């Protein structure tokens, strides 16, 4: 099933529609992680009609990333009793400005994207550099971290943010693969 040829295409497709038109994607292809912890959940697309276009599904997929992050962020805030004033993001998906702004609006906090968006690889390089004495302290490494762009919450955003319906979609995906029925 080919919806896009390249991940960069997802931003323009998502922006080409005003909403998901009621479509929700739950990308539980190998189950659901935190905070659901359901290894038997499976990926679902719900809410499709005859009018559903690939743009709606692509947008719903990007929204699902934001909703999943909200799920985890809320669990972290509750478990650690912290105030989430901003969220630093990394990975290939953060190149998508639409997703970063959507994420900010859905979570209700500023999203901060670094210049180097593959920080897992960067962290490995930093650890190796510390081990061989290239850097003397972790503080030196903190000085290397630079902001590419931040995405403040857009209080007037005209976007579809229906977190309750997302939770309904997750409930439909949960426990799908029970009793060997995969």
C-alpha atoms as a PDB file:
ATOM      1  CA  UNK A   1       0.000   0.000   0.000  1.00  0.00           C
ATOM      2  CA  UNK A   2       1.801   3.109  -1.183  1.00  0.00           C
ATOM      3  CA  UNK A   3       0.476   6.394   0.179  1.00  0.00           C
ATOM      4  CA  UNK A   4       3.686   8.364  -0.244  1.00  0.00           C
ATOM      5  CA  UNK A   5       6.923   7.900  -2.147  1.00  0.00           C
ATOM      6  CA  UNK A   6       9.079   9.850   0.299  1.00  0.00           C
ATOM      7  CA  UNK A   7       8.585  10.916   3.928  1.00  0.00           C
ATOM      8  CA  UNK A   8       9.126  14.568   2.991  1.00  0.00           C
ATOM      9  CA  UNK A   9       5.973  14.362   0.856  1.00  0.00           C
ATOM     10  CA  UNK A  10       3.826  13.826   3.964  1.00  0.00           C
ATOM     11  CA  UNK A  11       4.004  17.479   5.006  1.00  0.00           C
ATOM     12  CA  UNK A  12       2.532  18.869   1.787  1.00  0.00           C
ATOM     13  CA  UNK A  13      -0.133  16.156   1.657  1.00  0.00           C
ATOM     14  CA  UNK A  14      -1.183  16.815   5.261  1.00  0.00           C
ATOM     15  CA  UNK A  15      -1.345  20.557   4.649  1.00  0.00           C
ATOM     16  CA  UNK A  16      -3.508  20.052   1.554  1.00  0.00           C
ATOM     17  CA  UNK A  17      -6.543  19.094   3.678  1.00  0.00           C
ATOM     18  CA  UNK A  18      -8.110  20.958   6.609  1.00  0.00           C
ATOM     19  CA  UNK A  19      -8.532  17.860   8.777  1.00  0.00           C
ATOM     20  CA  UNK A  20      -8.432  14.092   8.747  1.00  0.00           C
ATOM     21  CA  UNK A  21     -12.172  14.134   7.978  1.00  0.00           C
ATOM     22  CA  UNK A  22     -12.741  11.832  10.950  1.00  0.00           C
ATOM     23  CA  UNK A  23     -10.033   9.314  10.040  1.00  0.00           C
ATOM     24  CA  UNK A  24      -7.753   8.011  12.812  1.00  0.00           C
ATOM     25  CA  UNK A  25      -4.694   5.818  12.398  1.00  0.00           C
ATOM     26  CA  UNK A  26      -3.346   3.726  15.259  1.00  0.00           C
ATOM     27  CA  UNK A  27       0.107   2.541  14.131  1.00  0.00           C
ATOM     28  CA  UNK A  28       0.287  -0.442  16.479  1.00  0.00           C
ATOM     29  CA  UNK A  29       2.098  -2.629  13.975  1.00  0.00           C
ATOM     30  CA  UNK A  30       4.034  -4.415  16.723  1.00  0.00           C
ATOM     31  CA  UNK A  31       1.658  -3.634  19.568  1.00  0.00           C
ATOM     32  CA  UNK A  32       1.329  -0.502  21.675  1.00  0.00           C
ATOM     33  CA  UNK A  33       4.072   0.695  23.984  1.00  0.00           C
ATOM     34  CA  UNK A  34       3.845   3.195  26.823  1.00  0.00           C
ATOM     35  CA  UNK A  35       1.488   3.959  28.405  1.00  0.00           C
ATOM     36  CA  UNK A  36      -0.802   1.240  26.968  1.00  0.00           C
ATOM     37  CA  UNK A  37       1.573  -1.749  27.090  1.00  0.00           C
ATOM     38  CA  UNK A  38      -0.470  -3.994  24.834  1.00  0.00           C
ATOM     39  CA  UNK A  39       1.605  -6.359  22.706  1.00  0.00           C
ATOM     40  CA  UNK A  40      -1.579  -7.733  21.121  1.00  0.00           C
ATOM     41  CA  UNK A  41      -2.750  -4.380  19.766  1.00  0.00           C
ATOM     42  CA  UNK A  42      -2.605  -4.056  15.988  1.00  0.00           C
ATOM     43  CA  UNK A  43      -2.538  -1.182  13.546  1.00  0.00           C
ATOM     44  CA  UNK A  44      -5.918   0.198  12.570  1.00  0.00           C
ATOM     45  CA  UNK A  45      -7.435   2.872  10.384  1.00  0.00           C
ATOM     46  CA  UNK A  46     -10.913   3.893  11.521  1.00  0.00           C
ATOM     47  CA  UNK A  47     -13.422   6.453  10.341  1.00  0.00           C
ATOM     48  CA  UNK A  48     -12.934   6.004   6.605  1.00  0.00           C
ATOM     49  CA  UNK A  49     -15.756   6.863   4.204  1.00  0.00           C
ATOM     50  CA  UNK A  50     -16.084   6.955   0.415  1.00  0.00           C
ATOM     51  CA  UNK A  51     -14.765  10.497   0.578  1.00  0.00           C
ATOM     52  CA  UNK A  52     -11.552   9.514   2.337  1.00  0.00           C
ATOM     53  CA  UNK A  53      -8.484  10.380   0.301  1.00  0.00           C
ATOM     54  CA  UNK A  54      -4.851   9.498   0.846  1.00  0.00           C
ATOM     55  CA  UNK A  55      -4.284  13.020   2.122  1.00  0.00           C
ATOM     56  CA  UNK A  56      -6.650  12.304   5.023  1.00  0.00           C
ATOM     57  CA  UNK A  57      -4.863   9.058   5.869  1.00  0.00           C
ATOM     58  CA  UNK A  58      -1.436  10.726   5.685  1.00  0.00           C
ATOM     59  CA  UNK A  59      -2.603  13.566   7.921  1.00  0.00           C
ATOM     60  CA  UNK A  60      -4.177  11.072  10.337  1.00  0.00           C
ATOM     61  CA  UNK A  61      -0.881   9.192  10.444  1.00  0.00           C
ATOM     62  CA  UNK A  62       1.022  12.363  11.354  1.00  0.00           C
ATOM     63  CA  UNK A  63      -1.612  13.197  13.955  1.00  0.00           C
ATOM     64  CA  UNK A  64      -1.195   9.702  15.413  1.00  0.00           C
ATOM     65  CA  UNK A  65       2.478  10.464  16.080  1.00  0.00           C
ATOM     66  CA  UNK A  66       1.431  13.591  17.961  1.00  0.00           C
ATOM     67  CA  UNK A  67      -1.272  11.744  19.905  1.00  0.00           C
ATOM     68  CA  UNK A  68       1.112   8.939  20.857  1.00  0.00           C
ATOM     69  CA  UNK A  69       3.621  11.494  22.092  1.00  0.00           C
ATOM     70  CA  UNK A  70       0.856  13.168  24.104  1.00  0.00           C
ATOM     71  CA  UNK A  71       0.000   9.789  25.656  1.00  0.00           C
ATOM     72  CA  UNK A  72       3.613   9.295  26.751  1.00  0.00           C
ATOM     73  CA  UNK A  73       4.123  12.936  27.824  1.00  0.00           C
ATOM     74  CA  UNK A  74       1.012  12.831  30.025  1.00  0.00           C
ATOM     75  CA  UNK A  75       2.192   9.590  31.626  1.00  0.00           C
ATOM     76  CA  UNK A  76       5.636  11.106  32.286  1.00  0.00           C
ATOM     77  CA  UNK A  77       4.171  14.256  33.805  1.00  0.00           C
ATOM     78  CA  UNK A  78       1.907  12.206  36.054  1.00  0.00           C
ATOM     79  CA  UNK A  79       4.500   9.601  37.072  1.00  0.00           C
ATOM     80  CA  UNK A  80       7.393  12.009  37.609  1.00  0.00           C
ATOM     81  CA  UNK A  81       5.304  14.911  38.927  1.00  0.00           C
ATOM     82  CA  UNK A  82       6.995  17.354  36.563  1.00  0.00           C
ATOM     83  CA  UNK A  83       5.926  20.399  34.611  1.00  0.00           C
ATOM     84  CA  UNK A  84       6.476  20.017  30.876  1.00  0.00           C
ATOM     85  CA  UNK A  85       7.422  23.511  29.709  1.00  0.00           C
ATOM     86  CA  UNK A  86       9.077  22.406  26.473  1.00  0.00           C
ATOM     87  CA  UNK A  87       9.850  19.185  24.658  1.00  0.00           C
ATOM     88  CA  UNK A  88      13.115  18.587  22.794  1.00  0.00           C
ATOM     89  CA  UNK A  89      12.569  16.330  19.808  1.00  0.00           C
ATOM     90  CA  UNK A  90      14.817  14.410  17.449  1.00  0.00           C
ATOM     91  CA  UNK A  91      14.749  11.826  14.692  1.00  0.00           C
ATOM     92  CA  UNK A  92      13.814  11.956  11.050  1.00  0.00           C
ATOM     93  CA  UNK A  93      10.179  12.913  11.630  1.00  0.00           C
ATOM     94  CA  UNK A  94      11.145  16.240  13.205  1.00  0.00           C
ATOM     95  CA  UNK A  95      12.167  17.549   9.783  1.00  0.00           C
ATOM     96  CA  UNK A  96       8.410  17.866   9.184  1.00  0.00           C
ATOM     97  CA  UNK A  97       7.407  21.388  10.291  1.00  0.00           C
ATOM     98  CA  UNK A  98       3.709  20.512  10.089  1.00  0.00           C
ATOM     99  CA  UNK A  99       4.209  17.631  12.528  1.00  0.00           C
ATOM    100  CA  UNK A 100       6.297  19.725  14.940  1.00  0.00           C
ATOM    101  CA  UNK A 101       3.681  22.489  15.083  1.00  0.00           C
ATOM    102  CA  UNK A 102       0.859  19.970  15.373  1.00  0.00           C
ATOM    103  CA  UNK A 103       2.763  18.260  18.188  1.00  0.00           C
ATOM    104  CA  UNK A 104       3.135  21.566  20.012  1.00  0.00           C
ATOM    105  CA  UNK A 105      -0.581  22.292  19.708  1.00  0.00           C
ATOM    106  CA  UNK A 106      -1.707  18.807  20.751  1.00  0.00           C
ATOM    107  CA  UNK A 107       0.596  18.522  23.757  1.00  0.00           C
ATOM    108  CA  UNK A 108       0.195  22.184  24.665  1.00  0.00           C
ATOM    109  CA  UNK A 109       3.900  22.868  25.050  1.00  0.00           C
ATOM    110  CA  UNK A 110       6.734  24.311  23.006  1.00  0.00           C
ATOM    111  CA  UNK A 111       8.545  21.872  20.730  1.00  0.00           C
ATOM    112  CA  UNK A 112      12.284  22.478  20.309  1.00  0.00           C
ATOM    113  CA  UNK A 113      14.142  20.969  17.352  1.00  0.00           C
ATOM    114  CA  UNK A 114      17.950  20.801  17.438  1.00  0.00           C
ATOM    115  CA  UNK A 115      20.277  21.570  14.538  1.00  0.00           C
ATOM    116  CA  UNK A 116      21.416  17.923  14.602  1.00  0.00           C
ATOM    117  CA  UNK A 117      18.192  15.938  14.525  1.00  0.00           C
ATOM    118  CA  UNK A 118      19.730  12.467  14.846  1.00  0.00           C
ATOM    119  CA  UNK A 119      20.786  12.800  18.466  1.00  0.00           C
ATOM    120  CA  UNK A 120      20.961   9.054  19.130  1.00  0.00           C
ATOM    121  CA  UNK A 121      23.883   8.767  16.718  1.00  0.00           C
ATOM    122  CA  UNK A 122      25.322  12.014  18.048  1.00  0.00           C
ATOM    123  CA  UNK A 123      25.113  10.653  21.605  1.00  0.00           C
ATOM    124  CA  UNK A 124      27.087   7.581  20.578  1.00  0.00           C
ATOM    125  CA  UNK A 125      29.747   9.803  19.034  1.00  0.00           C
ATOM    126  CA  UNK A 126      29.842  11.933  22.187  1.00  0.00           C
ATOM    127  CA  UNK A 127      30.232   8.838  24.386  1.00  0.00           C
ATOM    128  CA  UNK A 128      33.133   7.640  22.235  1.00  0.00           C
ATOM    129  CA  UNK A 129      34.701  11.113  22.353  1.00  0.00           C
ATOM    130  CA  UNK A 130      34.441  11.186  26.139  1.00  0.00           C
ATOM    131  CA  UNK A 131      35.949   7.689  26.370  1.00  0.00           C
ATOM    132  CA  UNK A 132      39.044   8.634  24.346  1.00  0.00           C
ATOM    133  CA  UNK A 133      39.462  12.036  25.990  1.00  0.00           C
ATOM    134  CA  UNK A 134      38.392  14.195  23.046  1.00  0.00           C
ATOM    135  CA  UNK A 135      36.033  15.957  25.474  1.00  0.00           C
ATOM    136  CA  UNK A 136      36.813  16.215  29.168  1.00  0.00           C
ATOM    137  CA  UNK A 137      33.329  16.799  30.602  1.00  0.00           C
ATOM    138  CA  UNK A 138      29.682  16.344  29.794  1.00  0.00           C
ATOM    139  CA  UNK A 139      29.279  20.117  30.219  1.00  0.00           C
ATOM    140  CA  UNK A 140      31.365  20.619  27.064  1.00  0.00           C
ATOM    141  CA  UNK A 141      28.852  18.502  25.188  1.00  0.00           C
ATOM    142  CA  UNK A 142      25.881  20.502  26.458  1.00  0.00           C
ATOM    143  CA  UNK A 143      27.450  23.603  24.915  1.00  0.00           C
ATOM    144  CA  UNK A 144      27.372  21.875  21.496  1.00  0.00           C
ATOM    145  CA  UNK A 145      23.567  21.464  21.518  1.00  0.00           C
ATOM    146  CA  UNK A 146      21.955  24.163  19.370  1.00  0.00           C
ATOM    147  CA  UNK A 147      18.359  24.987  18.515  1.00  0.00           C
ATOM    148  CA  UNK A 148      17.358  24.884  14.863  1.00  0.00           C
ATOM    149  CA  UNK A 149      13.783  26.018  15.452  1.00  0.00           C
ATOM    150  CA  UNK A 150      11.168  26.094  18.161  1.00  0.00           C
ATOM    151  CA  UNK A 151       7.436  25.665  17.701  1.00  0.00           C
ATOM    152  CA  UNK A 152       5.390  27.540  20.314  1.00  0.00           C
ATOM    153  CA  UNK A 153       1.800  26.512  20.976  1.00  0.00           C
ATOM    154  CA  UNK A 154      -0.542  28.238  18.532  1.00  0.00           C
ATOM    155  CA  UNK A 155      -3.509  29.104  20.743  1.00  0.00           C
ATOM    156  CA  UNK A 156      -5.557  30.084  17.677  1.00  0.00           C
ATOM    157  CA  UNK A 157      -4.681  27.014  15.631  1.00  0.00           C
ATOM    158  CA  UNK A 158      -7.551  25.932  13.425  1.00  0.00           C
ATOM    159  CA  UNK A 159      -6.722  22.246  13.493  1.00  0.00           C
ATOM    160  CA  UNK A 160      -8.690  19.177  14.364  1.00  0.00           C
ATOM    161  CA  UNK A 161      -7.474  18.003  17.742  1.00  0.00           C
ATOM    162  CA  UNK A 162      -9.803  15.313  18.941  1.00  0.00           C
ATOM    163  CA  UNK A 163      -7.888  13.429  21.563  1.00  0.00           C
ATOM    164  CA  UNK A 164     -10.975  11.639  22.896  1.00  0.00           C
ATOM    165  CA  UNK A 165     -11.636  10.110  19.473  1.00  0.00           C
ATOM    166  CA  UNK A 166      -7.962   9.085  19.323  1.00  0.00           C
ATOM    167  CA  UNK A 167      -8.466   7.183  22.571  1.00  0.00           C
ATOM    168  CA  UNK A 168     -11.558   5.510  21.044  1.00  0.00           C
ATOM    169  CA  UNK A 169      -9.461   4.431  18.049  1.00  0.00           C
ATOM    170  CA  UNK A 170      -6.764   3.050  20.365  1.00  0.00           C
ATOM    171  CA  UNK A 171      -9.412   1.068  22.245  1.00  0.00           C
ATOM    172  CA  UNK A 172     -10.451  -0.577  18.959  1.00  0.00           C
ATOM    173  CA  UNK A 173      -6.844  -1.560  18.220  1.00  0.00           C
ATOM    174  CA  UNK A 174      -6.157  -2.998  21.673  1.00  0.00           C
ATOM    175  CA  UNK A 175      -6.111  -6.746  22.272  1.00  0.00           C
ATOM    176  CA  UNK A 176      -6.794  -7.446  18.593  1.00  0.00           C
ATOM    177  CA  UNK A 177      -4.357 -10.345  18.194  1.00  0.00           C
ATOM    178  CA  UNK A 178      -5.632 -12.627  20.937  1.00  0.00           C
ATOM    179  CA  UNK A 179      -5.626 -16.425  20.999  1.00  0.00           C
ATOM    180  CA  UNK A 180      -3.281 -16.757  18.032  1.00  0.00           C
ATOM    181  CA  UNK A 181      -5.692 -14.948  15.692  1.00  0.00           C
ATOM    182  CA  UNK A 182      -2.974 -12.891  13.983  1.00  0.00           C
END
